[in-house]
Amino acid sequence: MEDKEFIAQMAQFSSLEQMTNMSQQFTSISERLNTSSAMNVLGQDVELMVNGQAVQGAVEAVTGGDFPQLLVNDKYYDYSTLQTVYNSKGDTEL
């Protein structure tokens, strides 16, 4: 292998490593945003879609972590099932 080829290959490896690091950082930011968004619905009336069934109630608690969960009607549901958040009167979607 000639010097030019070796240097070009090293540059490619360096670029690949930087892209991998950026991807990991974006994933971490996304997880933190999900947790923050989940915390914002604490105490709100919500509607969740679980296995094709609508579940309504107030969010009593929120777990943190990579996959936040909402406690509604004494049962935990994935934050990803959240469909609608209502204002305190329960008659208008936010």
PDB file of N, CA and C in Angstrom:
ATOM      1  N   MET A   1       0.854  -1.177   0.000  1.00  0.00           N
ATOM      2  CA  MET A   1       0.000   0.000   0.000  1.00  0.00           C
ATOM      3  C   MET A   1       0.897   1.238   0.000  1.00  0.00           C
ATOM      4  N   GLU A   2       0.582   2.161  -0.830  1.00  0.00           N
ATOM      5  CA  GLU A   2       1.364   3.388  -0.909  1.00  0.00           C
ATOM      6  C   GLU A   2       0.942   4.359   0.193  1.00  0.00           C
ATOM      7  N   ASP A   3       1.815   5.302   0.459  1.00  0.00           N
ATOM      8  CA  ASP A   3       1.561   6.271   1.519  1.00  0.00           C
ATOM      9  C   ASP A   3       0.260   7.037   1.301  1.00  0.00           C
ATOM     10  N   LYS A   4      -0.012   7.453   0.076  1.00  0.00           N
ATOM     11  CA  LYS A   4      -1.236   8.227  -0.214  1.00  0.00           C
ATOM     12  C   LYS A   4      -2.474   7.406   0.084  1.00  0.00           C
ATOM     13  N   GLU A   5      -2.477   6.139  -0.283  1.00  0.00           N
ATOM     14  CA  GLU A   5      -3.622   5.267  -0.028  1.00  0.00           C
ATOM     15  C   GLU A   5      -3.823   5.069   1.470  1.00  0.00           C
ATOM     16  N   PHE A   6      -2.716   4.892   2.187  1.00  0.00           N
ATOM     17  CA  PHE A   6      -2.783   4.705   3.625  1.00  0.00           C
ATOM     18  C   PHE A   6      -3.360   5.940   4.304  1.00  0.00           C
ATOM     19  N   ILE A   7      -2.887   7.105   3.926  1.00  0.00           N
ATOM     20  CA  ILE A   7      -3.386   8.359   4.511  1.00  0.00           C
ATOM     21  C   ILE A   7      -4.864   8.550   4.193  1.00  0.00           C
ATOM     22  N   ALA A   8      -5.274   8.253   2.970  1.00  0.00           N
ATOM     23  CA  ALA A   8      -6.690   8.380   2.590  1.00  0.00           C
ATOM     24  C   ALA A   8      -7.552   7.431   3.409  1.00  0.00           C
ATOM     25  N   GLN A   9      -7.071   6.208   3.613  1.00  0.00           N
ATOM     26  CA  GLN A   9      -7.839   5.234   4.391  1.00  0.00           C
ATOM     27  C   GLN A   9      -7.942   5.669   5.854  1.00  0.00           C
ATOM     28  N   MET A  10      -6.871   6.194   6.402  1.00  0.00           N
ATOM     29  CA  MET A  10      -6.900   6.686   7.789  1.00  0.00           C
ATOM     30  C   MET A  10      -7.893   7.840   7.934  1.00  0.00           C
ATOM     31  N   ALA A  11      -7.949   8.717   6.948  1.00  0.00           N
ATOM     32  CA  ALA A  11      -8.900   9.831   6.976  1.00  0.00           C
ATOM     33  C   ALA A  11     -10.331   9.300   6.939  1.00  0.00           C
ATOM     34  N   GLN A  12     -10.579   8.268   6.163  1.00  0.00           N
ATOM     35  CA  GLN A  12     -11.914   7.678   6.100  1.00  0.00           C
ATOM     36  C   GLN A  12     -12.303   7.073   7.446  1.00  0.00           C
ATOM     37  N   PHE A  13     -11.377   6.365   8.093  1.00  0.00           N
ATOM     38  CA  PHE A  13     -11.652   5.790   9.405  1.00  0.00           C
ATOM     39  C   PHE A  13     -11.950   6.875  10.432  1.00  0.00           C
ATOM     40  N   SER A  14     -11.200   7.964  10.372  1.00  0.00           N
ATOM     41  CA  SER A  14     -11.419   9.082  11.285  1.00  0.00           C
ATOM     42  C   SER A  14     -12.808   9.689  11.074  1.00  0.00           C
ATOM     43  N   SER A  15     -13.200   9.873   9.831  1.00  0.00           N
ATOM     44  CA  SER A  15     -14.525  10.413   9.520  1.00  0.00           C
ATOM     45  C   SER A  15     -15.619   9.483  10.010  1.00  0.00           C
ATOM     46  N   LEU A  16     -15.441   8.187   9.804  1.00  0.00           N
ATOM     47  CA  LEU A  16     -16.426   7.203  10.252  1.00  0.00           C
ATOM     48  C   LEU A  16     -16.569   7.232  11.768  1.00  0.00           C
ATOM     49  N   GLU A  17     -15.455   7.339  12.472  1.00  0.00           N
ATOM     50  CA  GLU A  17     -15.491   7.402  13.927  1.00  0.00           C
ATOM     51  C   GLU A  17     -16.239   8.653  14.395  1.00  0.00           C
ATOM     52  N   GLN A  18     -16.001   9.783  13.765  1.00  0.00           N
ATOM     53  CA  GLN A  18     -16.680  11.027  14.131  1.00  0.00           C
ATOM     54  C   GLN A  18     -18.182  10.928  13.871  1.00  0.00           C
ATOM     55  N   MET A  19     -18.571  10.318  12.761  1.00  0.00           N
ATOM     56  CA  MET A  19     -20.007  10.154  12.465  1.00  0.00           C
ATOM     57  C   MET A  19     -20.668   9.232  13.483  1.00  0.00           C
ATOM     58  N   THR A  20     -19.965   8.177  13.894  1.00  0.00           N
ATOM     59  CA  THR A  20     -20.499   7.266  14.909  1.00  0.00           C
ATOM     60  C   THR A  20     -20.696   7.989  16.229  1.00  0.00           C
ATOM     61  N   ASN A  21     -19.718   8.793  16.622  1.00  0.00           N
ATOM     62  CA  ASN A  21     -19.831   9.562  17.863  1.00  0.00           C
ATOM     63  C   ASN A  21     -20.996  10.543  17.807  1.00  0.00           C
ATOM     64  N   MET A  22     -21.162  11.213  16.682  1.00  0.00           N
ATOM     65  CA  MET A  22     -22.277  12.158  16.527  1.00  0.00           C
ATOM     66  C   MET A  22     -23.614  11.428  16.619  1.00  0.00           C
ATOM     67  N   SER A  23     -23.713  10.272  16.005  1.00  0.00           N
ATOM     68  CA  SER A  23     -24.940   9.491  16.051  1.00  0.00           C
ATOM     69  C   SER A  23     -25.289   9.114  17.487  1.00  0.00           C
ATOM     70  N   GLN A  24     -24.297   8.705  18.262  1.00  0.00           N
ATOM     71  CA  GLN A  24     -24.526   8.364  19.660  1.00  0.00           C
ATOM     72  C   GLN A  24     -24.975   9.580  20.461  1.00  0.00           C
ATOM     73  N   GLN A  25     -24.398  10.724  20.181  1.00  0.00           N
ATOM     74  CA  GLN A  25     -24.780  11.941  20.889  1.00  0.00           C
ATOM     75  C   GLN A  25     -26.202  12.366  20.528  1.00  0.00           C
ATOM     76  N   PHE A  26     -26.579  12.242  19.260  1.00  0.00           N
ATOM     77  CA  PHE A  26     -27.950  12.566  18.852  1.00  0.00           C
ATOM     78  C   PHE A  26     -28.948  11.635  19.535  1.00  0.00           C
ATOM     79  N   THR A  27     -28.611  10.372  19.659  1.00  0.00           N
ATOM     80  CA  THR A  27     -29.479   9.420  20.343  1.00  0.00           C
ATOM     81  C   THR A  27     -29.655   9.827  21.797  1.00  0.00           C
ATOM     82  N   SER A  28     -28.578  10.217  22.447  1.00  0.00           N
ATOM     83  CA  SER A  28     -28.641  10.649  23.840  1.00  0.00           C
ATOM     84  C   SER A  28     -29.509  11.896  23.997  1.00  0.00           C
ATOM     85  N   ILE A  29     -29.350  12.849  23.096  1.00  0.00           N
ATOM     86  CA  ILE A  29     -30.166  14.071  23.140  1.00  0.00           C
ATOM     87  C   ILE A  29     -31.634  13.736  22.945  1.00  0.00           C
ATOM     88  N   SER A  30     -31.937  12.862  22.015  1.00  0.00           N
ATOM     89  CA  SER A  30     -33.316  12.452  21.750  1.00  0.00           C
ATOM     90  C   SER A  30     -33.949  11.817  22.991  1.00  0.00           C
ATOM     91  N   GLU A  31     -33.196  10.962  23.672  1.00  0.00           N
ATOM     92  CA  GLU A  31     -33.706  10.315  24.885  1.00  0.00           C
ATOM     93  C   GLU A  31     -33.983  11.346  25.973  1.00  0.00           C
ATOM     94  N   ARG A  32     -33.112  12.320  26.116  1.00  0.00           N
ATOM     95  CA  ARG A  32     -33.319  13.361  27.128  1.00  0.00           C
ATOM     96  C   ARG A  32     -34.534  14.220  26.794  1.00  0.00           C
ATOM     97  N   LEU A  33     -34.726  14.516  25.518  1.00  0.00           N
ATOM     98  CA  LEU A  33     -35.903  15.291  25.112  1.00  0.00           C
ATOM     99  C   LEU A  33     -37.185  14.517  25.389  1.00  0.00           C
ATOM    100  N   ASN A  34     -37.185  13.211  25.147  1.00  0.00           N
ATOM    101  CA  ASN A  34     -38.362  12.390  25.441  1.00  0.00           C
ATOM    102  C   ASN A  34     -38.685  12.425  26.928  1.00  0.00           C
ATOM    103  N   THR A  35     -37.659  12.295  27.769  1.00  0.00           N
ATOM    104  CA  THR A  35     -37.879  12.337  29.208  1.00  0.00           C
ATOM    105  C   THR A  35     -38.422  13.695  29.628  1.00  0.00           C
ATOM    106  N   SER A  36     -37.863  14.761  29.078  1.00  0.00           N
ATOM    107  CA  SER A  36     -38.331  16.108  29.406  1.00  0.00           C
ATOM    108  C   SER A  36     -39.780  16.304  28.966  1.00  0.00           C
ATOM    109  N   SER A  37     -40.101  15.863  27.771  1.00  0.00           N
ATOM    110  CA  SER A  37     -41.479  15.981  27.273  1.00  0.00           C
ATOM    111  C   SER A  37     -42.437  15.183  28.136  1.00  0.00           C
ATOM    112  N   ALA A  38     -42.020  14.005  28.552  1.00  0.00           N
ATOM    113  CA  ALA A  38     -42.872  13.173  29.403  1.00  0.00           C
ATOM    114  C   ALA A  38     -43.134  13.868  30.736  1.00  0.00           C
ATOM    115  N   MET A  39     -42.115  14.495  31.302  1.00  0.00           N
ATOM    116  CA  MET A  39     -42.276  15.192  32.582  1.00  0.00           C
ATOM    117  C   MET A  39     -43.268  16.349  32.460  1.00  0.00           C
ATOM    118  N   ASN A  40     -43.370  16.938  31.302  1.00  0.00           N
ATOM    119  CA  ASN A  40     -44.274  18.075  31.100  1.00  0.00           C
ATOM    120  C   ASN A  40     -45.747  17.695  31.153  1.00  0.00           C
ATOM    121  N   VAL A  41     -46.080  16.425  31.017  1.00  0.00           N
ATOM    122  CA  VAL A  41     -47.492  16.032  31.055  1.00  0.00           C
ATOM    123  C   VAL A  41     -47.929  15.588  32.451  1.00  0.00           C
ATOM    124  N   LEU A  42     -47.014  15.625  33.415  1.00  0.00           N
ATOM    125  CA  LEU A  42     -47.353  15.246  34.786  1.00  0.00           C
ATOM    126  C   LEU A  42     -48.519  16.095  35.289  1.00  0.00           C
ATOM    127  N   GLY A  43     -49.561  15.441  35.754  1.00  0.00           N
ATOM    128  CA  GLY A  43     -50.748  16.125  36.265  1.00  0.00           C
ATOM    129  C   GLY A  43     -51.775  16.469  35.199  1.00  0.00           C
ATOM    130  N   GLN A  44     -51.451  16.261  33.943  1.00  0.00           N
ATOM    131  CA  GLN A  44     -52.367  16.585  32.845  1.00  0.00           C
ATOM    132  C   GLN A  44     -53.299  15.409  32.535  1.00  0.00           C
ATOM    133  N   ASP A  45     -54.462  15.724  32.007  1.00  0.00           N
ATOM    134  CA  ASP A  45     -55.361  14.694  31.485  1.00  0.00           C
ATOM    135  C   ASP A  45     -54.870  14.319  30.101  1.00  0.00           C
ATOM    136  N   VAL A  46     -54.778  13.012  29.847  1.00  0.00           N
ATOM    137  CA  VAL A  46     -54.228  12.539  28.584  1.00  0.00           C
ATOM    138  C   VAL A  46     -55.084  11.416  28.010  1.00  0.00           C
ATOM    139  N   GLU A  47     -54.839  11.149  26.747  1.00  0.00           N
ATOM    140  CA  GLU A  47     -55.410   9.976  26.088  1.00  0.00           C
ATOM    141  C   GLU A  47     -54.255   9.205  25.467  1.00  0.00           C
ATOM    142  N   LEU A  48     -54.210   7.917  25.766  1.00  0.00           N
ATOM    143  CA  LEU A  48     -53.179   7.036  25.242  1.00  0.00           C
ATOM    144  C   LEU A  48     -53.841   6.024  24.318  1.00  0.00           C
ATOM    145  N   MET A  49     -53.105   5.532  23.338  1.00  0.00           N
ATOM    146  CA  MET A  49     -53.612   4.483  22.461  1.00  0.00           C
ATOM    147  C   MET A  49     -52.783   3.234  22.743  1.00  0.00           C
ATOM    148  N   VAL A  50     -53.428   2.224  23.342  1.00  0.00           N
ATOM    149  CA  VAL A  50     -52.750   1.006  23.752  1.00  0.00           C
ATOM    150  C   VAL A  50     -53.439  -0.190  23.105  1.00  0.00           C
ATOM    151  N   ASN A  51     -52.735  -0.856  22.226  1.00  0.00           N
ATOM    152  CA  ASN A  51     -53.287  -2.025  21.514  1.00  0.00           C
ATOM    153  C   ASN A  51     -54.633  -1.716  20.862  1.00  0.00           C
ATOM    154  N   GLY A  52     -54.730  -0.538  20.258  1.00  0.00           N
ATOM    155  CA  GLY A  52     -55.950  -0.141  19.570  1.00  0.00           C
ATOM    156  C   GLY A  52     -57.060   0.361  20.481  1.00  0.00           C
ATOM    157  N   GLN A  53     -56.814   0.425  21.775  1.00  0.00           N
ATOM    158  CA  GLN A  53     -57.796   0.891  22.749  1.00  0.00           C
ATOM    159  C   GLN A  53     -57.369   2.239  23.320  1.00  0.00           C
ATOM    160  N   ALA A  54     -58.318   3.159  23.422  1.00  0.00           N
ATOM    161  CA  ALA A  54     -58.040   4.465  24.017  1.00  0.00           C
ATOM    162  C   ALA A  54     -58.099   4.348  25.537  1.00  0.00           C
ATOM    163  N   VAL A  55     -57.100   4.906  26.207  1.00  0.00           N
ATOM    164  CA  VAL A  55     -57.058   4.963  27.667  1.00  0.00           C
ATOM    165  C   VAL A  55     -56.978   6.434  28.040  1.00  0.00           C
ATOM    166  N   GLN A  56     -57.902   6.882  28.908  1.00  0.00           N
ATOM    167  CA  GLN A  56     -57.915   8.279  29.320  1.00  0.00           C
ATOM    168  C   GLN A  56     -57.747   8.376  30.826  1.00  0.00           C
ATOM    169  N   GLY A  57     -57.099   9.443  31.260  1.00  0.00           N
ATOM    170  CA  GLY A  57     -56.926   9.677  32.684  1.00  0.00           C
ATOM    171  C   GLY A  57     -55.864  10.734  32.912  1.00  0.00           C
ATOM    172  N   ALA A  58     -55.642  11.017  34.180  1.00  0.00           N
ATOM    173  CA  ALA A  58     -54.617  11.992  34.561  1.00  0.00           C
ATOM    174  C   ALA A  58     -53.294  11.280  34.761  1.00  0.00           C
ATOM    175  N   VAL A  59     -52.210  11.945  34.382  1.00  0.00           N
ATOM    176  CA  VAL A  59     -50.871  11.394  34.581  1.00  0.00           C
ATOM    177  C   VAL A  59     -50.494  11.610  36.038  1.00  0.00           C
ATOM    178  N   GLU A  60     -50.348  10.509  36.764  1.00  0.00           N
ATOM    179  CA  GLU A  60     -50.073  10.554  38.198  1.00  0.00           C
ATOM    180  C   GLU A  60     -48.570  10.580  38.499  1.00  0.00           C
ATOM    181  N   ALA A  61     -47.774   9.973  37.622  1.00  0.00           N
ATOM    182  CA  ALA A  61     -46.324   9.924  37.817  1.00  0.00           C
ATOM    183  C   ALA A  61     -45.661   9.678  36.467  1.00  0.00           C
ATOM    184  N   VAL A  62     -44.374  10.018  36.396  1.00  0.00           N
ATOM    185  CA  VAL A  62     -43.596   9.817  35.169  1.00  0.00           C
ATOM    186  C   VAL A  62     -42.248   9.227  35.558  1.00  0.00           C
ATOM    187  N   THR A  63     -41.833   8.172  34.847  1.00  0.00           N
ATOM    188  CA  THR A  63     -40.503   7.626  35.074  1.00  0.00           C
ATOM    189  C   THR A  63     -39.538   8.269  34.094  1.00  0.00           C
ATOM    190  N   GLY A  64     -38.283   8.336  34.457  1.00  0.00           N
ATOM    191  CA  GLY A  64     -37.263   8.876  33.566  1.00  0.00           C
ATOM    192  C   GLY A  64     -36.604   7.751  32.794  1.00  0.00           C
ATOM    193  N   GLY A  65     -35.448   8.036  32.272  1.00  0.00           N
ATOM    194  CA  GLY A  65     -34.694   7.015  31.559  1.00  0.00           C
ATOM    195  C   GLY A  65     -34.870   7.082  30.061  1.00  0.00           C
ATOM    196  N   ASP A  66     -34.337   6.055  29.396  1.00  0.00           N
ATOM    197  CA  ASP A  66     -34.362   6.017  27.939  1.00  0.00           C
ATOM    198  C   ASP A  66     -35.771   5.909  27.373  1.00  0.00           C
ATOM    199  N   PHE A  67     -36.647   5.200  28.079  1.00  0.00           N
ATOM    200  CA  PHE A  67     -38.018   4.994  27.608  1.00  0.00           C
ATOM    201  C   PHE A  67     -38.980   5.378  28.727  1.00  0.00           C
ATOM    202  N   PRO A  68     -39.330   6.674  28.810  1.00  0.00           N
ATOM    203  CA  PRO A  68     -40.186   7.148  29.904  1.00  0.00           C
ATOM    204  C   PRO A  68     -41.546   6.451  29.901  1.00  0.00           C
ATOM    205  N   GLN A  69     -42.095   6.325  31.097  1.00  0.00           N
ATOM    206  CA  GLN A  69     -43.407   5.717  31.255  1.00  0.00           C
ATOM    207  C   GLN A  69     -44.305   6.664  32.030  1.00  0.00           C
ATOM    208  N   LEU A  70     -45.601   6.624  31.713  1.00  0.00           N
ATOM    209  CA  LEU A  70     -46.602   7.463  32.360  1.00  0.00           C
ATOM    210  C   LEU A  70     -47.504   6.588  33.222  1.00  0.00           C
ATOM    211  N   LEU A  71     -47.737   7.006  34.457  1.00  0.00           N
ATOM    212  CA  LEU A  71     -48.662   6.300  35.330  1.00  0.00           C
ATOM    213  C   LEU A  71     -50.042   6.935  35.170  1.00  0.00           C
ATOM    214  N   VAL A  72     -50.956   6.180  34.567  1.00  0.00           N
ATOM    215  CA  VAL A  72     -52.330   6.651  34.334  1.00  0.00           C
ATOM    216  C   VAL A  72     -53.265   5.560  34.826  1.00  0.00           C
ATOM    217  N   ASN A  73     -54.224   5.929  35.685  1.00  0.00           N
ATOM    218  CA  ASN A  73     -55.188   4.967  36.235  1.00  0.00           C
ATOM    219  C   ASN A  73     -54.465   3.792  36.899  1.00  0.00           C
ATOM    220  N   ASP A  74     -53.417   4.100  37.660  1.00  0.00           N
ATOM    221  CA  ASP A  74     -52.639   3.113  38.418  1.00  0.00           C
ATOM    222  C   ASP A  74     -51.939   2.064  37.559  1.00  0.00           C
ATOM    223  N   LYS A  75     -51.662   2.396  36.296  1.00  0.00           N
ATOM    224  CA  LYS A  75     -50.950   1.482  35.421  1.00  0.00           C
ATOM    225  C   LYS A  75     -49.950   2.285  34.587  1.00  0.00           C
ATOM    226  N   TYR A  76     -48.757   1.719  34.387  1.00  0.00           N
ATOM    227  CA  TYR A  76     -47.730   2.399  33.606  1.00  0.00           C
ATOM    228  C   TYR A  76     -47.874   2.096  32.122  1.00  0.00           C
ATOM    229  N   TYR A  77     -47.707   3.143  31.302  1.00  0.00           N
ATOM    230  CA  TYR A  77     -47.771   3.035  29.845  1.00  0.00           C
ATOM    231  C   TYR A  77     -46.553   3.733  29.247  1.00  0.00           C
ATOM    232  N   ASP A  78     -46.085   3.236  28.114  1.00  0.00           N
ATOM    233  CA  ASP A  78     -44.975   3.884  27.413  1.00  0.00           C
ATOM    234  C   ASP A  78     -45.391   5.279  26.966  1.00  0.00           C
ATOM    235  N   TYR A  79     -44.473   6.220  27.100  1.00  0.00           N
ATOM    236  CA  TYR A  79     -44.726   7.592  26.653  1.00  0.00           C
ATOM    237  C   TYR A  79     -45.080   7.624  25.169  1.00  0.00           C
ATOM    238  N   SER A  80     -44.557   6.695  24.401  1.00  0.00           N
ATOM    239  CA  SER A  80     -44.814   6.666  22.957  1.00  0.00           C
ATOM    240  C   SER A  80     -46.277   6.403  22.622  1.00  0.00           C
ATOM    241  N   THR A  81     -47.075   5.925  23.595  1.00  0.00           N
ATOM    242  CA  THR A  81     -48.499   5.668  23.339  1.00  0.00           C
ATOM    243  C   THR A  81     -49.355   6.922  23.505  1.00  0.00           C
ATOM    244  N   LEU A  82     -48.755   8.019  23.962  1.00  0.00           N
ATOM    245  CA  LEU A  82     -49.481   9.269  24.181  1.00  0.00           C
ATOM    246  C   LEU A  82     -50.049   9.802  22.869  1.00  0.00           C
ATOM    247  N   GLN A  83     -51.343  10.069  22.854  1.00  0.00           N
ATOM    248  CA  GLN A  83     -52.012  10.598  21.671  1.00  0.00           C
ATOM    249  C   GLN A  83     -52.436  12.049  21.846  1.00  0.00           C
ATOM    250  N   THR A  84     -53.018  12.363  23.021  1.00  0.00           N
ATOM    251  CA  THR A  84     -53.597  13.690  23.234  1.00  0.00           C
ATOM    252  C   THR A  84     -53.340  14.143  24.666  1.00  0.00           C
ATOM    253  N   VAL A  85     -53.030  15.432  24.819  1.00  0.00           N
ATOM    254  CA  VAL A  85     -52.908  16.051  26.139  1.00  0.00           C
ATOM    255  C   VAL A  85     -53.972  17.139  26.197  1.00  0.00           C
ATOM    256  N   TYR A  86     -54.772  17.137  27.260  1.00  0.00           N
ATOM    257  CA  TYR A  86     -55.853  18.112  27.398  1.00  0.00           C
ATOM    258  C   TYR A  86     -55.473  19.183  28.409  1.00  0.00           C
ATOM    259  N   ASN A  87     -56.091  20.368  28.257  1.00  0.00           N
ATOM    260  CA  ASN A  87     -55.845  21.416  29.247  1.00  0.00           C
ATOM    261  C   ASN A  87     -56.563  21.044  30.537  1.00  0.00           C
ATOM    262  N   SER A  88     -56.445  21.876  31.558  1.00  0.00           N
ATOM    263  CA  SER A  88     -56.992  21.537  32.866  1.00  0.00           C
ATOM    264  C   SER A  88     -58.494  21.359  32.868  1.00  0.00           C
ATOM    265  N   LYS A  89     -59.207  21.954  31.888  1.00  0.00           N
ATOM    266  CA  LYS A  89     -60.656  21.787  31.819  1.00  0.00           C
ATOM    267  C   LYS A  89     -61.039  20.487  31.097  1.00  0.00           C
ATOM    268  N   GLY A  90     -60.078  19.916  30.349  1.00  0.00           N
ATOM    269  CA  GLY A  90     -60.313  18.651  29.689  1.00  0.00           C
ATOM    270  C   GLY A  90     -61.117  18.765  28.408  1.00  0.00           C
ATOM    271  N   ASP A  91     -61.342  19.988  27.900  1.00  0.00           N
ATOM    272  CA  ASP A  91     -62.182  20.117  26.724  1.00  0.00           C
ATOM    273  C   ASP A  91     -61.437  20.612  25.484  1.00  0.00           C
ATOM    274  N   THR A  92     -60.151  20.910  25.618  1.00  0.00           N
ATOM    275  CA  THR A  92     -59.394  21.428  24.492  1.00  0.00           C
ATOM    276  C   THR A  92     -58.054  20.722  24.412  1.00  0.00           C
ATOM    277  N   GLU A  93     -57.708  20.279  23.200  1.00  0.00           N
ATOM    278  CA  GLU A  93     -56.403  19.639  23.022  1.00  0.00           C
ATOM    279  C   GLU A  93     -55.322  20.698  23.031  1.00  0.00           C
ATOM    280  N   LEU A  94     -54.157  20.321  23.563  1.00  0.00           N
ATOM    281  CA  LEU A  94     -52.994  21.210  23.562  1.00  0.00           C
ATOM    282  C   LEU A  94     -52.076  20.822  22.438  1.00  0.00           C
TER     283      LEU A  94
END
